């Protein structure tokens, strides 16, 4: 809760799998299929994303709001 209106909040995430996946791609020891799947996951399936309803939202003074984040689990990660 805040006594003033909030129209900006910065939340950051740290996905510890990105560095390992990028290193594995750089080493070049993966099969073509594994490399494609790993690269596709990095680009198109981020682990953390905002819920669609959270893109534009203001919180009025003395009000509460929930911030919804999606977490996508990956097998073996």
PDB file of N, CA and C in Angstrom:
ATOM      1  N   UNK A   1       0.843  -1.185   0.000  1.00  0.00           N
ATOM      2  CA  UNK A   1       0.000   0.000   0.000  1.00  0.00           C
ATOM      3  C   UNK A   1       0.880   1.237   0.000  1.00  0.00           C
ATOM      4  N   UNK A   2       0.373   2.251  -0.649  1.00  0.00           N
ATOM      5  CA  UNK A   2       1.118   3.497  -0.738  1.00  0.00           C
ATOM      6  C   UNK A   2       0.167   4.661  -0.524  1.00  0.00           C
ATOM      7  N   UNK A   3       0.675   5.737   0.008  1.00  0.00           N
ATOM      8  CA  UNK A   3      -0.157   6.927   0.193  1.00  0.00           C
ATOM      9  C   UNK A   3      -0.283   7.719  -1.101  1.00  0.00           C
ATOM     10  N   UNK A   4       0.543   7.392  -2.090  1.00  0.00           N
ATOM     11  CA  UNK A   4       0.459   8.068  -3.385  1.00  0.00           C
ATOM     12  C   UNK A   4       0.177   7.035  -4.485  1.00  0.00           C
ATOM     13  N   UNK A   5      -0.314   7.522  -5.632  1.00  0.00           N
ATOM     14  CA  UNK A   5      -0.594   6.630  -6.756  1.00  0.00           C
ATOM     15  C   UNK A   5       0.721   6.104  -7.341  1.00  0.00           C
ATOM     16  N   UNK A   6       0.731   4.828  -7.684  1.00  0.00           N
ATOM     17  CA  UNK A   6       1.901   4.195  -8.281  1.00  0.00           C
ATOM     18  C   UNK A   6       1.550   3.812  -9.713  1.00  0.00           C
ATOM     19  N   UNK A   7       2.360   4.276 -10.665  1.00  0.00           N
ATOM     20  CA  UNK A   7       2.098   3.917 -12.060  1.00  0.00           C
ATOM     21  C   UNK A   7       3.322   3.285 -12.717  1.00  0.00           C
ATOM     22  N   UNK A   8       4.357   2.998 -11.932  1.00  0.00           N
ATOM     23  CA  UNK A   8       5.540   2.334 -12.459  1.00  0.00           C
ATOM     24  C   UNK A   8       6.148   1.453 -11.381  1.00  0.00           C
ATOM     25  N   UNK A   9       6.420   0.224 -11.737  1.00  0.00           N
ATOM     26  CA  UNK A   9       7.113  -0.684 -10.835  1.00  0.00           C
ATOM     27  C   UNK A   9       8.090  -1.490 -11.685  1.00  0.00           C
ATOM     28  N   UNK A  10       9.289  -1.648 -11.206  1.00  0.00           N
ATOM     29  CA  UNK A  10      10.291  -2.414 -11.934  1.00  0.00           C
ATOM     30  C   UNK A  10      10.581  -3.690 -11.155  1.00  0.00           C
ATOM     31  N   UNK A  11      10.317  -4.803 -11.793  1.00  0.00           N
ATOM     32  CA  UNK A  11      10.597  -6.101 -11.210  1.00  0.00           C
ATOM     33  C   UNK A  11      11.517  -6.823 -12.184  1.00  0.00           C
ATOM     34  N   UNK A  12      12.612  -7.373 -11.686  1.00  0.00           N
ATOM     35  CA  UNK A  12      13.532  -8.094 -12.554  1.00  0.00           C
ATOM     36  C   UNK A  12      13.618  -9.552 -12.118  1.00  0.00           C
ATOM     37  N   UNK A  13      13.958 -10.407 -13.065  1.00  0.00           N
ATOM     38  CA  UNK A  13      14.055 -11.832 -12.811  1.00  0.00           C
ATOM     39  C   UNK A  13      15.438 -12.309 -13.225  1.00  0.00           C
ATOM     40  N   UNK A  14      15.904 -13.330 -12.577  1.00  0.00           N
ATOM     41  CA  UNK A  14      17.175 -13.942 -12.942  1.00  0.00           C
ATOM     42  C   UNK A  14      16.910 -15.400 -13.264  1.00  0.00           C
ATOM     43  N   UNK A  15      17.109 -15.765 -14.516  1.00  0.00           N
ATOM     44  CA  UNK A  15      16.932 -17.138 -14.962  1.00  0.00           C
ATOM     45  C   UNK A  15      18.318 -17.768 -15.045  1.00  0.00           C
ATOM     46  N   UNK A  16      18.663 -18.590 -14.097  1.00  0.00           N
ATOM     47  CA  UNK A  16      20.006 -19.167 -14.030  1.00  0.00           C
ATOM     48  C   UNK A  16      20.278 -20.167 -15.152  1.00  0.00           C
ATOM     49  N   UNK A  17      19.270 -20.539 -15.917  1.00  0.00           N
ATOM     50  CA  UNK A  17      19.470 -21.507 -16.992  1.00  0.00           C
ATOM     51  C   UNK A  17      19.987 -20.865 -18.274  1.00  0.00           C
ATOM     52  N   UNK A  18      19.823 -19.552 -18.434  1.00  0.00           N
ATOM     53  CA  UNK A  18      20.208 -18.893 -19.680  1.00  0.00           C
ATOM     54  C   UNK A  18      21.713 -18.994 -19.932  1.00  0.00           C
ATOM     55  N   UNK A  19      22.516 -18.706 -18.935  1.00  0.00           N
ATOM     56  CA  UNK A  19      23.964 -18.756 -19.103  1.00  0.00           C
ATOM     57  C   UNK A  19      24.451 -20.144 -19.487  1.00  0.00           C
ATOM     58  N   UNK A  20      23.922 -21.168 -18.825  1.00  0.00           N
ATOM     59  CA  UNK A  20      24.326 -22.543 -19.129  1.00  0.00           C
ATOM     60  C   UNK A  20      23.912 -22.932 -20.547  1.00  0.00           C
ATOM     61  N   UNK A  21      22.721 -22.530 -20.963  1.00  0.00           N
ATOM     62  CA  UNK A  21      22.242 -22.850 -22.310  1.00  0.00           C
ATOM     63  C   UNK A  21      23.076 -22.135 -23.364  1.00  0.00           C
ATOM     64  N   UNK A  22      23.403 -20.875 -23.129  1.00  0.00           N
ATOM     65  CA  UNK A  22      24.229 -20.130 -24.085  1.00  0.00           C
ATOM     66  C   UNK A  22      25.633 -20.730 -24.181  1.00  0.00           C
ATOM     67  N   UNK A  23      26.183 -21.146 -23.053  1.00  0.00           N
ATOM     68  CA  UNK A  23      27.516 -21.765 -23.059  1.00  0.00           C
ATOM     69  C   UNK A  23      27.494 -23.085 -23.826  1.00  0.00           C
ATOM     70  N   UNK A  24      26.447 -23.889 -23.624  1.00  0.00           N
ATOM     71  CA  UNK A  24      26.335 -25.164 -24.330  1.00  0.00           C
ATOM     72  C   UNK A  24      26.229 -24.937 -25.839  1.00  0.00           C
ATOM     73  N   UNK A  25      25.501 -23.900 -26.244  1.00  0.00           N
ATOM     74  CA  UNK A  25      25.401 -23.583 -27.668  1.00  0.00           C
ATOM     75  C   UNK A  25      26.750 -23.146 -28.228  1.00  0.00           C
ATOM     76  N   UNK A  26      27.473 -22.349 -27.471  1.00  0.00           N
ATOM     77  CA  UNK A  26      28.763 -21.824 -27.923  1.00  0.00           C
ATOM     78  C   UNK A  26      29.815 -22.933 -28.063  1.00  0.00           C
ATOM     79  N   UNK A  27      29.742 -23.954 -27.218  1.00  0.00           N
ATOM     80  CA  UNK A  27      30.707 -25.050 -27.277  1.00  0.00           C
ATOM     81  C   UNK A  27      30.568 -25.867 -28.556  1.00  0.00           C
ATOM     82  N   UNK A  28      29.362 -25.910 -29.122  1.00  0.00           N
ATOM     83  CA  UNK A  28      29.130 -26.605 -30.382  1.00  0.00           C
ATOM     84  C   UNK A  28      29.142 -28.120 -30.298  1.00  0.00           C
ATOM     85  N   UNK A  29      28.983 -28.683 -29.121  1.00  0.00           N
ATOM     86  CA  UNK A  29      29.001 -30.134 -28.961  1.00  0.00           C
ATOM     87  C   UNK A  29      27.610 -30.759 -28.939  1.00  0.00           C
ATOM     88  N   UNK A  30      26.578 -29.949 -29.142  1.00  0.00           N
ATOM     89  CA  UNK A  30      25.213 -30.469 -29.157  1.00  0.00           C
ATOM     90  C   UNK A  30      24.864 -30.962 -30.557  1.00  0.00           C
ATOM     91  N   UNK A  31      23.907 -31.895 -30.607  1.00  0.00           N
ATOM     92  CA  UNK A  31      23.404 -32.310 -31.917  1.00  0.00           C
ATOM     93  C   UNK A  31      22.623 -31.145 -32.517  1.00  0.00           C
ATOM     94  N   UNK A  32      22.369 -31.205 -33.797  1.00  0.00           N
ATOM     95  CA  UNK A  32      21.610 -30.142 -34.460  1.00  0.00           C
ATOM     96  C   UNK A  32      20.241 -29.989 -33.806  1.00  0.00           C
ATOM     97  N   UNK A  33      19.596 -31.116 -33.488  1.00  0.00           N
ATOM     98  CA  UNK A  33      18.281 -31.079 -32.853  1.00  0.00           C
ATOM     99  C   UNK A  33      18.354 -30.407 -31.487  1.00  0.00           C
ATOM    100  N   UNK A  34      19.325 -30.806 -30.650  1.00  0.00           N
ATOM    101  CA  UNK A  34      19.465 -30.216 -29.309  1.00  0.00           C
ATOM    102  C   UNK A  34      19.761 -28.721 -29.399  1.00  0.00           C
ATOM    103  N   UNK A  35      20.612 -28.344 -30.334  1.00  0.00           N
ATOM    104  CA  UNK A  35      20.942 -26.926 -30.497  1.00  0.00           C
ATOM    105  C   UNK A  35      19.714 -26.130 -30.907  1.00  0.00           C
ATOM    106  N   UNK A  36      18.930 -26.663 -31.843  1.00  0.00           N
ATOM    107  CA  UNK A  36      17.716 -25.972 -32.282  1.00  0.00           C
ATOM    108  C   UNK A  36      16.742 -25.810 -31.124  1.00  0.00           C
ATOM    109  N   UNK A  37      16.493 -26.892 -30.390  1.00  0.00           N
ATOM    110  CA  UNK A  37      15.550 -26.845 -29.271  1.00  0.00           C
ATOM    111  C   UNK A  37      16.012 -25.874 -28.190  1.00  0.00           C
ATOM    112  N   UNK A  38      17.294 -25.881 -27.871  1.00  0.00           N
ATOM    113  CA  UNK A  38      17.832 -24.980 -26.851  1.00  0.00           C
ATOM    114  C   UNK A  38      17.700 -23.531 -27.294  1.00  0.00           C
ATOM    115  N   UNK A  39      18.064 -23.251 -28.538  1.00  0.00           N
ATOM    116  CA  UNK A  39      17.953 -21.886 -29.059  1.00  0.00           C
ATOM    117  C   UNK A  39      16.499 -21.434 -29.119  1.00  0.00           C
ATOM    118  N   UNK A  40      15.616 -22.320 -29.536  1.00  0.00           N
ATOM    119  CA  UNK A  40      14.181 -21.993 -29.598  1.00  0.00           C
ATOM    120  C   UNK A  40      13.653 -21.654 -28.208  1.00  0.00           C
ATOM    121  N   UNK A  41      14.013 -22.473 -27.209  1.00  0.00           N
ATOM    122  CA  UNK A  41      13.580 -22.214 -25.834  1.00  0.00           C
ATOM    123  C   UNK A  41      14.063 -20.859 -25.344  1.00  0.00           C
ATOM    124  N   UNK A  42      15.316 -20.524 -25.611  1.00  0.00           N
ATOM    125  CA  UNK A  42      15.864 -19.241 -25.158  1.00  0.00           C
ATOM    126  C   UNK A  42      15.094 -18.065 -25.744  1.00  0.00           C
ATOM    127  N   UNK A  43      14.707 -18.182 -27.004  1.00  0.00           N
ATOM    128  CA  UNK A  43      14.050 -17.067 -27.690  1.00  0.00           C
ATOM    129  C   UNK A  43      12.537 -17.036 -27.452  1.00  0.00           C
ATOM    130  N   UNK A  44      11.884 -18.186 -27.552  1.00  0.00           N
ATOM    131  CA  UNK A  44      10.419 -18.215 -27.578  1.00  0.00           C
ATOM    132  C   UNK A  44       9.743 -18.693 -26.300  1.00  0.00           C
ATOM    133  N   UNK A  45      10.488 -19.261 -25.376  1.00  0.00           N
ATOM    134  CA  UNK A  45       9.873 -19.776 -24.143  1.00  0.00           C
ATOM    135  C   UNK A  45      10.622 -19.280 -22.914  1.00  0.00           C
ATOM    136  N   UNK A  46      10.533 -17.994 -22.631  1.00  0.00           N
ATOM    137  CA  UNK A  46      11.224 -17.503 -21.433  1.00  0.00           C
ATOM    138  C   UNK A  46      10.626 -18.122 -20.171  1.00  0.00           C
ATOM    139  N   UNK A  47      11.449 -18.296 -19.165  1.00  0.00           N
ATOM    140  CA  UNK A  47      10.985 -18.903 -17.920  1.00  0.00           C
ATOM    141  C   UNK A  47       9.993 -17.990 -17.205  1.00  0.00           C
ATOM    142  N   UNK A  48      10.266 -16.686 -17.163  1.00  0.00           N
ATOM    143  CA  UNK A  48       9.381 -15.738 -16.493  1.00  0.00           C
ATOM    144  C   UNK A  48       8.775 -14.771 -17.496  1.00  0.00           C
ATOM    145  N   UNK A  49       7.459 -14.575 -17.407  1.00  0.00           N
ATOM    146  CA  UNK A  49       6.767 -13.591 -18.236  1.00  0.00           C
ATOM    147  C   UNK A  49       5.678 -12.933 -17.398  1.00  0.00           C
ATOM    148  N   UNK A  50       5.317 -11.724 -17.787  1.00  0.00           N
ATOM    149  CA  UNK A  50       4.195 -11.046 -17.144  1.00  0.00           C
ATOM    150  C   UNK A  50       2.895 -11.665 -17.617  1.00  0.00           C
ATOM    151  N   UNK A  51       1.917 -11.708 -16.750  1.00  0.00           N
ATOM    152  CA  UNK A  51       0.576 -12.102 -17.149  1.00  0.00           C
ATOM    153  C   UNK A  51       0.050 -11.033 -18.099  1.00  0.00           C
ATOM    154  N   UNK A  52      -0.757 -11.403 -19.083  1.00  0.00           N
ATOM    155  CA  UNK A  52      -1.292 -10.435 -20.044  1.00  0.00           C
ATOM    156  C   UNK A  52      -2.068  -9.315 -19.364  1.00  0.00           C
ATOM    157  N   UNK A  53      -2.698  -9.606 -18.246  1.00  0.00           N
ATOM    158  CA  UNK A  53      -3.488  -8.587 -17.556  1.00  0.00           C
ATOM    159  C   UNK A  53      -2.621  -7.579 -16.805  1.00  0.00           C
ATOM    160  N   UNK A  54      -1.307  -7.831 -16.702  1.00  0.00           N
ATOM    161  CA  UNK A  54      -0.423  -6.982 -15.911  1.00  0.00           C
ATOM    162  C   UNK A  54       0.319  -5.927 -16.721  1.00  0.00           C
ATOM    163  N   UNK A  55       0.090  -5.845 -18.005  1.00  0.00           N
ATOM    164  CA  UNK A  55       0.892  -4.952 -18.846  1.00  0.00           C
ATOM    165  C   UNK A  55       0.680  -3.473 -18.509  1.00  0.00           C
ATOM    166  N   UNK A  56      -0.522  -3.041 -18.295  1.00  0.00           N
ATOM    167  CA  UNK A  56      -0.816  -1.645 -17.971  1.00  0.00           C
ATOM    168  C   UNK A  56      -1.721  -1.615 -16.745  1.00  0.00           C
ATOM    169  N   UNK A  57      -1.212  -1.101 -15.668  1.00  0.00           N
ATOM    170  CA  UNK A  57      -2.002  -1.059 -14.447  1.00  0.00           C
ATOM    171  C   UNK A  57      -1.493   0.054 -13.547  1.00  0.00           C
ATOM    172  N   UNK A  58      -2.394   0.818 -12.973  1.00  0.00           N
ATOM    173  CA  UNK A  58      -2.039   1.815 -11.970  1.00  0.00           C
ATOM    174  C   UNK A  58      -2.628   1.385 -10.643  1.00  0.00           C
ATOM    175  N   UNK A  59      -1.963   1.782  -9.574  1.00  0.00           N
ATOM    176  CA  UNK A  59      -2.456   1.481  -8.238  1.00  0.00           C
ATOM    177  C   UNK A  59      -2.749   2.806  -7.567  1.00  0.00           C
ATOM    178  N   UNK A  60      -3.999   3.031  -7.256  1.00  0.00           N
ATOM    179  CA  UNK A  60      -4.409   4.275  -6.620  1.00  0.00           C
ATOM    180  C   UNK A  60      -3.857   4.402  -5.210  1.00  0.00           C
ATOM    181  N   UNK A  61      -3.859   5.620  -4.705  1.00  0.00           N
ATOM    182  CA  UNK A  61      -3.394   5.876  -3.336  1.00  0.00           C
ATOM    183  C   UNK A  61      -4.201   5.047  -2.350  1.00  0.00           C
ATOM    184  N   UNK A  62      -3.523   4.468  -1.383  1.00  0.00           N
ATOM    185  CA  UNK A  62      -4.113   3.642  -0.325  1.00  0.00           C
ATOM    186  C   UNK A  62      -4.849   2.431  -0.877  1.00  0.00           C
ATOM    187  N   UNK A  63      -4.409   1.928  -2.028  1.00  0.00           N
ATOM    188  CA  UNK A  63      -4.987   0.736  -2.643  1.00  0.00           C
ATOM    189  C   UNK A  63      -3.937  -0.374  -2.702  1.00  0.00           C
ATOM    190  N   UNK A  64      -4.399  -1.583  -2.955  1.00  0.00           N
ATOM    191  CA  UNK A  64      -3.511  -2.727  -3.110  1.00  0.00           C
ATOM    192  C   UNK A  64      -3.668  -3.293  -4.514  1.00  0.00           C
ATOM    193  N   UNK A  65      -2.613  -3.925  -4.989  1.00  0.00           N
ATOM    194  CA  UNK A  65      -2.679  -4.593  -6.276  1.00  0.00           C
ATOM    195  C   UNK A  65      -1.757  -5.799  -6.244  1.00  0.00           C
ATOM    196  N   UNK A  66      -2.164  -6.833  -6.921  1.00  0.00           N
ATOM    197  CA  UNK A  66      -1.324  -8.024  -7.049  1.00  0.00           C
ATOM    198  C   UNK A  66      -0.624  -7.985  -8.392  1.00  0.00           C
ATOM    199  N   UNK A  67       0.622  -8.392  -8.405  1.00  0.00           N
ATOM    200  CA  UNK A  67       1.389  -8.473  -9.641  1.00  0.00           C
ATOM    201  C   UNK A  67       1.497  -9.957  -9.989  1.00  0.00           C
ATOM    202  N   UNK A  68       0.986 -10.330 -11.157  1.00  0.00           N
ATOM    203  CA  UNK A  68       0.957 -11.732 -11.554  1.00  0.00           C
ATOM    204  C   UNK A  68       2.050 -12.023 -12.576  1.00  0.00           C
ATOM    205  N   UNK A  69       2.853 -13.027 -12.280  1.00  0.00           N
ATOM    206  CA  UNK A  69       3.957 -13.425 -13.143  1.00  0.00           C
ATOM    207  C   UNK A  69       3.785 -14.902 -13.472  1.00  0.00           C
ATOM    208  N   UNK A  70       3.994 -15.258 -14.734  1.00  0.00           N
ATOM    209  CA  UNK A  70       3.942 -16.659 -15.140  1.00  0.00           C
ATOM    210  C   UNK A  70       5.343 -17.255 -15.032  1.00  0.00           C
ATOM    211  N   UNK A  71       5.422 -18.464 -14.549  1.00  0.00           N
ATOM    212  CA  UNK A  71       6.697 -19.185 -14.458  1.00  0.00           C
ATOM    213  C   UNK A  71       6.550 -20.486 -15.224  1.00  0.00           C
ATOM    214  N   UNK A  72       7.337 -20.627 -16.292  1.00  0.00           N
ATOM    215  CA  UNK A  72       7.261 -21.771 -17.175  1.00  0.00           C
ATOM    216  C   UNK A  72       8.352 -22.761 -16.802  1.00  0.00           C
ATOM    217  N   UNK A  73       7.962 -23.927 -16.319  1.00  0.00           N
ATOM    218  CA  UNK A  73       8.934 -24.945 -15.952  1.00  0.00           C
ATOM    219  C   UNK A  73       9.420 -25.712 -17.167  1.00  0.00           C
ATOM    220  N   UNK A  74      10.691 -26.072 -17.163  1.00  0.00           N
ATOM    221  CA  UNK A  74      11.270 -26.800 -18.279  1.00  0.00           C
ATOM    222  C   UNK A  74      11.859 -28.111 -17.748  1.00  0.00           C
ATOM    223  N   UNK A  75      11.624 -29.187 -18.454  1.00  0.00           N
ATOM    224  CA  UNK A  75      12.123 -30.493 -18.030  1.00  0.00           C
ATOM    225  C   UNK A  75      13.644 -30.471 -18.002  1.00  0.00           C
ATOM    226  N   UNK A  76      14.194 -30.896 -16.898  1.00  0.00           N
ATOM    227  CA  UNK A  76      15.640 -30.981 -16.751  1.00  0.00           C
ATOM    228  C   UNK A  76      16.320 -29.670 -16.419  1.00  0.00           C
ATOM    229  N   UNK A  77      15.579 -28.613 -16.182  1.00  0.00           N
ATOM    230  CA  UNK A  77      16.176 -27.303 -15.901  1.00  0.00           C
ATOM    231  C   UNK A  77      15.908 -26.939 -14.455  1.00  0.00           C
TER     232      UNK A  77
END
